[in-house]
Amino acid sequence: GKLTYRGYDISELATKKSYLDICY
């Protein structure tokens, strides 16, 4: 049950970064 974008865990990204951060 793991998902990463460019090696970053989705739970970290979704709670600490914005959608524009993810786009970049």
PDB file of all heavy atoms in Angstrom:
ATOM      1  N   GLY A   1       0.817  -1.205   0.000  1.00  0.00           N
ATOM      2  CA  GLY A   1       0.000   0.000   0.000  1.00  0.00           C
ATOM      3  C   GLY A   1       0.849   1.252   0.000  1.00  0.00           C
ATOM      4  O   GLY A   1       0.640   2.171   0.797  1.00  0.00           O
ATOM      5  N   LYS A   2       1.818   1.312  -0.920  1.00  0.00           N
ATOM      6  CA  LYS A   2       2.755   2.435  -0.970  1.00  0.00           C
ATOM      7  C   LYS A   2       2.702   3.120  -2.328  1.00  0.00           C
ATOM      8  O   LYS A   2       2.596   2.458  -3.366  1.00  0.00           O
ATOM      9  CB  LYS A   2       4.173   1.934  -0.695  1.00  0.00           C
ATOM     10  CG  LYS A   2       5.234   3.017  -0.683  1.00  0.00           C
ATOM     11  CD  LYS A   2       6.620   2.446  -0.358  1.00  0.00           C
ATOM     12  CE  LYS A   2       7.679   3.543  -0.316  1.00  0.00           C
ATOM     13  NZ  LYS A   2       9.008   3.007   0.009  1.00  0.00           N
ATOM     14  N   LEU A   3       2.774   4.441  -2.320  1.00  0.00           N
ATOM     15  CA  LEU A   3       2.789   5.239  -3.545  1.00  0.00           C
ATOM     16  C   LEU A   3       3.809   6.356  -3.398  1.00  0.00           C
ATOM     17  O   LEU A   3       3.824   7.051  -2.378  1.00  0.00           O
ATOM     18  CB  LEU A   3       1.399   5.835  -3.808  1.00  0.00           C
ATOM     19  CG  LEU A   3       1.277   6.916  -4.887  1.00  0.00           C
ATOM     20  CD1 LEU A   3       1.597   6.343  -6.271  1.00  0.00           C
ATOM     21  CD2 LEU A   3      -0.126   7.528  -4.875  1.00  0.00           C
ATOM     22  N   THR A   4       4.678   6.519  -4.397  1.00  0.00           N
ATOM     23  CA  THR A   4       5.655   7.615  -4.363  1.00  0.00           C
ATOM     24  C   THR A   4       5.663   8.355  -5.692  1.00  0.00           C
ATOM     25  O   THR A   4       5.441   7.774  -6.750  1.00  0.00           O
ATOM     26  CB  THR A   4       7.087   7.102  -4.088  1.00  0.00           C
ATOM     27  OG1 THR A   4       7.505   6.239  -5.165  1.00  0.00           O
ATOM     28  CG2 THR A   4       7.167   6.352  -2.768  1.00  0.00           C
ATOM     29  N   TYR A   5       5.907   9.673  -5.627  1.00  0.00           N
ATOM     30  CA  TYR A   5       6.179  10.492  -6.808  1.00  0.00           C
ATOM     31  C   TYR A   5       7.658  10.873  -6.760  1.00  0.00           C
ATOM     32  O   TYR A   5       8.108  11.471  -5.784  1.00  0.00           O
ATOM     33  CB  TYR A   5       5.367  11.794  -6.798  1.00  0.00           C
ATOM     34  CG  TYR A   5       3.862  11.657  -6.851  1.00  0.00           C
ATOM     35  CD1 TYR A   5       3.050  12.685  -6.362  1.00  0.00           C
ATOM     36  CD2 TYR A   5       3.234  10.535  -7.390  1.00  0.00           C
ATOM     37  CE1 TYR A   5       1.671  12.606  -6.416  1.00  0.00           C
ATOM     38  CE2 TYR A   5       1.855  10.449  -7.449  1.00  0.00           C
ATOM     39  CZ  TYR A   5       1.073  11.492  -6.962  1.00  0.00           C
ATOM     40  OH  TYR A   5      -0.298  11.413  -7.005  1.00  0.00           O
ATOM     41  N   ARG A   6       8.402  10.518  -7.794  1.00  0.00           N
ATOM     42  CA  ARG A   6       9.842  10.833  -7.869  1.00  0.00           C
ATOM     43  C   ARG A   6      10.578  10.424  -6.587  1.00  0.00           C
ATOM     44  O   ARG A   6      11.525  11.065  -6.165  1.00  0.00           O
ATOM     45  CB  ARG A   6      10.054  12.327  -8.119  1.00  0.00           C
ATOM     46  CG  ARG A   6       9.439  12.885  -9.399  1.00  0.00           C
ATOM     47  CD  ARG A   6      10.124  12.374 -10.633  1.00  0.00           C
ATOM     48  NE  ARG A   6       9.707  13.116 -11.835  1.00  0.00           N
ATOM     49  CZ  ARG A   6      10.033  12.773 -13.068  1.00  0.00           C
ATOM     50  NH1 ARG A   6      10.774  11.694 -13.292  1.00  0.00           N
ATOM     51  NH2 ARG A   6       9.630  13.482 -14.104  1.00  0.00           N
ATOM     52  N   GLY A   7      10.113   9.340  -5.954  1.00  0.00           N
ATOM     53  CA  GLY A   7      10.779   8.826  -4.765  1.00  0.00           C
ATOM     54  C   GLY A   7      10.254   9.378  -3.459  1.00  0.00           C
ATOM     55  O   GLY A   7      10.643   8.903  -2.387  1.00  0.00           O
ATOM     56  N   TYR A   8       9.354  10.371  -3.500  1.00  0.00           N
ATOM     57  CA  TYR A   8       8.783  10.952  -2.280  1.00  0.00           C
ATOM     58  C   TYR A   8       7.476  10.258  -1.929  1.00  0.00           C
ATOM     59  O   TYR A   8       6.597  10.103  -2.791  1.00  0.00           O
ATOM     60  CB  TYR A   8       8.515  12.451  -2.458  1.00  0.00           C
ATOM     61  CG  TYR A   8       9.744  13.313  -2.591  1.00  0.00           C
ATOM     62  CD1 TYR A   8      10.249  13.663  -3.847  1.00  0.00           C
ATOM     63  CD2 TYR A   8      10.404  13.797  -1.464  1.00  0.00           C
ATOM     64  CE1 TYR A   8      11.373  14.466  -3.981  1.00  0.00           C
ATOM     65  CE2 TYR A   8      11.524  14.602  -1.578  1.00  0.00           C
ATOM     66  CZ  TYR A   8      12.008  14.935  -2.844  1.00  0.00           C
ATOM     67  OH  TYR A   8      13.119  15.733  -2.960  1.00  0.00           O
ATOM     68  N   ASP A   9       7.315   9.858  -0.669  1.00  0.00           N
ATOM     69  CA  ASP A   9       6.108   9.176  -0.240  1.00  0.00           C
ATOM     70  C   ASP A   9       4.897  10.098  -0.331  1.00  0.00           C
ATOM     71  O   ASP A   9       4.957  11.270   0.045  1.00  0.00           O
ATOM     72  CB  ASP A   9       6.273   8.683   1.203  1.00  0.00           C
ATOM     73  CG  ASP A   9       5.143   7.754   1.604  1.00  0.00           C
ATOM     74  OD1 ASP A   9       4.123   8.252   2.118  1.00  0.00           O
ATOM     75  OD2 ASP A   9       5.274   6.536   1.384  1.00  0.00           O
ATOM     76  N   ILE A  10       3.779   9.544  -0.822  1.00  0.00           N
ATOM     77  CA  ILE A  10       2.590  10.361  -1.049  1.00  0.00           C
ATOM     78  C   ILE A  10       2.048  10.977   0.238  1.00  0.00           C
ATOM     79  O   ILE A  10       1.512  12.097   0.224  1.00  0.00           O
ATOM     80  CB  ILE A  10       1.486   9.524  -1.738  1.00  0.00           C
ATOM     81  CG1 ILE A  10       0.326  10.417  -2.197  1.00  0.00           C
ATOM     82  CG2 ILE A  10       0.990   8.412  -0.832  1.00  0.00           C
ATOM     83  CD1 ILE A  10       0.713  11.459  -3.214  1.00  0.00           C
ATOM     84  N   SER A  11       2.185  10.289   1.372  1.00  0.00           N
ATOM     85  CA  SER A  11       1.666  10.841   2.621  1.00  0.00           C
ATOM     86  C   SER A  11       2.430  12.092   3.040  1.00  0.00           C
ATOM     87  O   SER A  11       1.855  13.033   3.596  1.00  0.00           O
ATOM     88  CB  SER A  11       1.718   9.790   3.740  1.00  0.00           C
ATOM     89  OG  SER A  11       3.051   9.369   3.972  1.00  0.00           O
ATOM     90  N   GLU A  12       3.732  12.116   2.753  1.00  0.00           N
ATOM     91  CA  GLU A  12       4.544  13.300   3.038  1.00  0.00           C
ATOM     92  C   GLU A  12       4.157  14.450   2.112  1.00  0.00           C
ATOM     93  O   GLU A  12       3.974  15.593   2.541  1.00  0.00           O
ATOM     94  CB  GLU A  12       6.026  12.971   2.859  1.00  0.00           C
ATOM     95  CG  GLU A  12       6.598  12.042   3.914  1.00  0.00           C
ATOM     96  CD  GLU A  12       6.947  12.799   5.179  1.00  0.00           C
ATOM     97  OE1 GLU A  12       7.766  13.723   5.124  1.00  0.00           O
ATOM     98  OE2 GLU A  12       6.377  12.453   6.233  1.00  0.00           O
ATOM     99  N   LEU A  13       4.017  14.139   0.836  1.00  0.00           N
ATOM    100  CA  LEU A  13       3.705  15.177  -0.149  1.00  0.00           C
ATOM    101  C   LEU A  13       2.318  15.763   0.087  1.00  0.00           C
ATOM    102  O   LEU A  13       2.126  16.984   0.037  1.00  0.00           O
ATOM    103  CB  LEU A  13       3.791  14.599  -1.563  1.00  0.00           C
ATOM    104  CG  LEU A  13       5.186  14.191  -2.048  1.00  0.00           C
ATOM    105  CD1 LEU A  13       5.091  13.486  -3.393  1.00  0.00           C
ATOM    106  CD2 LEU A  13       6.110  15.405  -2.159  1.00  0.00           C
ATOM    107  N   ALA A  14       1.336  14.900   0.341  1.00  0.00           N
ATOM    108  CA  ALA A  14      -0.046  15.357   0.461  1.00  0.00           C
ATOM    109  C   ALA A  14      -0.293  16.182   1.718  1.00  0.00           C
ATOM    110  O   ALA A  14      -1.199  17.016   1.751  1.00  0.00           O
ATOM    111  CB  ALA A  14      -0.992  14.155   0.436  1.00  0.00           C
ATOM    112  N   THR A  15       0.506  15.970   2.753  1.00  0.00           N
ATOM    113  CA  THR A  15       0.294  16.690   4.011  1.00  0.00           C
ATOM    114  C   THR A  15       1.227  17.882   4.190  1.00  0.00           C
ATOM    115  O   THR A  15       0.964  18.749   5.020  1.00  0.00           O
ATOM    116  CB  THR A  15       0.460  15.741   5.222  1.00  0.00           C
ATOM    117  OG1 THR A  15       1.744  15.106   5.159  1.00  0.00           O
ATOM    118  CG2 THR A  15      -0.624  14.676   5.219  1.00  0.00           C
ATOM    119  N   LYS A  16       2.302  17.931   3.393  1.00  0.00           N
ATOM    120  CA  LYS A  16       3.284  18.999   3.589  1.00  0.00           C
ATOM    121  C   LYS A  16       3.496  19.890   2.372  1.00  0.00           C
ATOM    122  O   LYS A  16       4.122  20.949   2.479  1.00  0.00           O
ATOM    123  CB  LYS A  16       4.638  18.383   3.993  1.00  0.00           C
ATOM    124  CG  LYS A  16       4.604  17.641   5.316  1.00  0.00           C
ATOM    125  CD  LYS A  16       5.957  17.037   5.662  1.00  0.00           C
ATOM    126  CE  LYS A  16       5.910  16.283   6.986  1.00  0.00           C
ATOM    127  NZ  LYS A  16       7.228  15.656   7.316  1.00  0.00           N
ATOM    128  N   LYS A  17       2.988  19.475   1.220  1.00  0.00           N
ATOM    129  CA  LYS A  17       3.206  20.235  -0.002  1.00  0.00           C
ATOM    130  C   LYS A  17       1.881  20.506  -0.716  1.00  0.00           C
ATOM    131  O   LYS A  17       0.885  19.827  -0.485  1.00  0.00           O
ATOM    132  CB  LYS A  17       4.156  19.478  -0.947  1.00  0.00           C
ATOM    133  CG  LYS A  17       5.560  19.273  -0.375  1.00  0.00           C
ATOM    134  CD  LYS A  17       6.297  20.600  -0.196  1.00  0.00           C
ATOM    135  CE  LYS A  17       7.693  20.395   0.377  1.00  0.00           C
ATOM    136  NZ  LYS A  17       8.415  21.686   0.562  1.00  0.00           N
ATOM    137  N   SER A  18       1.898  21.503  -1.593  1.00  0.00           N
ATOM    138  CA  SER A  18       0.701  21.847  -2.357  1.00  0.00           C
ATOM    139  C   SER A  18       0.702  21.123  -3.697  1.00  0.00           C
ATOM    140  O   SER A  18       1.712  20.547  -4.117  1.00  0.00           O
ATOM    141  CB  SER A  18       0.651  23.360  -2.599  1.00  0.00           C
ATOM    142  OG  SER A  18       1.664  23.734  -3.537  1.00  0.00           O
ATOM    143  N   TYR A  19      -0.428  21.192  -4.381  1.00  0.00           N
ATOM    144  CA  TYR A  19      -0.519  20.566  -5.697  1.00  0.00           C
ATOM    145  C   TYR A  19       0.484  21.182  -6.677  1.00  0.00           C
ATOM    146  O   TYR A  19       1.072  20.475  -7.498  1.00  0.00           O
ATOM    147  CB  TYR A  19      -1.942  20.703  -6.244  1.00  0.00           C
ATOM    148  CG  TYR A  19      -2.089  20.147  -7.642  1.00  0.00           C
ATOM    149  CD1 TYR A  19      -1.948  18.775  -7.880  1.00  0.00           C
ATOM    150  CD2 TYR A  19      -2.365  20.980  -8.718  1.00  0.00           C
ATOM    151  CE1 TYR A  19      -2.079  18.258  -9.162  1.00  0.00           C
ATOM    152  CE2 TYR A  19      -2.494  20.472 -10.004  1.00  0.00           C
ATOM    153  CZ  TYR A  19      -2.353  19.109 -10.217  1.00  0.00           C
ATOM    154  OH  TYR A  19      -2.473  18.606 -11.498  1.00  0.00           O
ATOM    155  N   LEU A  20       0.714  22.478  -6.586  1.00  0.00           N
ATOM    156  CA  LEU A  20       1.689  23.107  -7.487  1.00  0.00           C
ATOM    157  C   LEU A  20       3.100  22.592  -7.215  1.00  0.00           C
ATOM    158  O   LEU A  20       3.908  22.464  -8.140  1.00  0.00           O
ATOM    159  CB  LEU A  20       1.649  24.633  -7.356  1.00  0.00           C
ATOM    160  CG  LEU A  20       0.482  25.347  -8.029  1.00  0.00           C
ATOM    161  CD1 LEU A  20       0.768  26.847  -8.127  1.00  0.00           C
ATOM    162  CD2 LEU A  20       0.185  24.792  -9.411  1.00  0.00           C
ATOM    163  N   ASP A  21       3.417  22.313  -5.946  1.00  0.00           N
ATOM    164  CA  ASP A  21       4.705  21.682  -5.631  1.00  0.00           C
ATOM    165  C   ASP A  21       4.828  20.355  -6.359  1.00  0.00           C
ATOM    166  O   ASP A  21       5.877  20.023  -6.923  1.00  0.00           O
ATOM    167  CB  ASP A  21       4.828  21.424  -4.124  1.00  0.00           C
ATOM    168  CG  ASP A  21       5.032  22.683  -3.312  1.00  0.00           C
ATOM    169  OD1 ASP A  21       5.829  23.539  -3.738  1.00  0.00           O
ATOM    170  OD2 ASP A  21       4.396  22.808  -2.247  1.00  0.00           O
ATOM    171  N   ILE A  22       3.733  19.587  -6.351  1.00  0.00           N
ATOM    172  CA  ILE A  22       3.740  18.266  -6.984  1.00  0.00           C
ATOM    173  C   ILE A  22       3.879  18.404  -8.491  1.00  0.00           C
ATOM    174  O   ILE A  22       4.605  17.640  -9.137  1.00  0.00           O
ATOM    175  CB  ILE A  22       2.464  17.480  -6.601  1.00  0.00           C
ATOM    176  CG1 ILE A  22       2.667  16.745  -5.284  1.00  0.00           C
ATOM    177  CG2 ILE A  22       2.124  16.447  -7.644  1.00  0.00           C
ATOM    178  CD1 ILE A  22       3.001  17.551  -4.100  1.00  0.00           C
ATOM    179  N   CYS A  23       3.197  19.381  -9.084  1.00  0.00           N
ATOM    180  CA  CYS A  23       3.324  19.615 -10.529  1.00  0.00           C
ATOM    181  C   CYS A  23       4.774  19.914 -10.898  1.00  0.00           C
ATOM    182  O   CYS A  23       5.312  19.358 -11.869  1.00  0.00           O
ATOM    183  CB  CYS A  23       2.432  20.776 -10.963  1.00  0.00           C
ATOM    184  SG  CYS A  23       0.662  20.412 -10.919  1.00  0.00           S
ATOM    185  N   TYR A  24       5.391  20.790 -10.126  1.00  0.00           N
ATOM    186  CA  TYR A  24       6.781  21.146 -10.389  1.00  0.00           C
ATOM    187  C   TYR A  24       7.682  19.925 -10.220  1.00  0.00           C
ATOM    188  O   TYR A  24       8.592  19.676 -11.029  1.00  0.00           O
ATOM    189  CB  TYR A  24       7.222  22.264  -9.442  1.00  0.00           C
ATOM    190  CG  TYR A  24       8.556  22.885  -9.802  1.00  0.00           C
ATOM    191  CD1 TYR A  24       8.617  24.047 -10.566  1.00  0.00           C
ATOM    192  CD2 TYR A  24       9.751  22.309  -9.384  1.00  0.00           C
ATOM    193  CE1 TYR A  24       9.839  24.616 -10.906  1.00  0.00           C
ATOM    194  CE2 TYR A  24      10.976  22.860  -9.716  1.00  0.00           C
ATOM    195  CZ  TYR A  24      11.016  24.020 -10.475  1.00  0.00           C
ATOM    196  OH  TYR A  24      12.238  24.568 -10.821  1.00  0.00           O
TER     197      TYR A  24
END
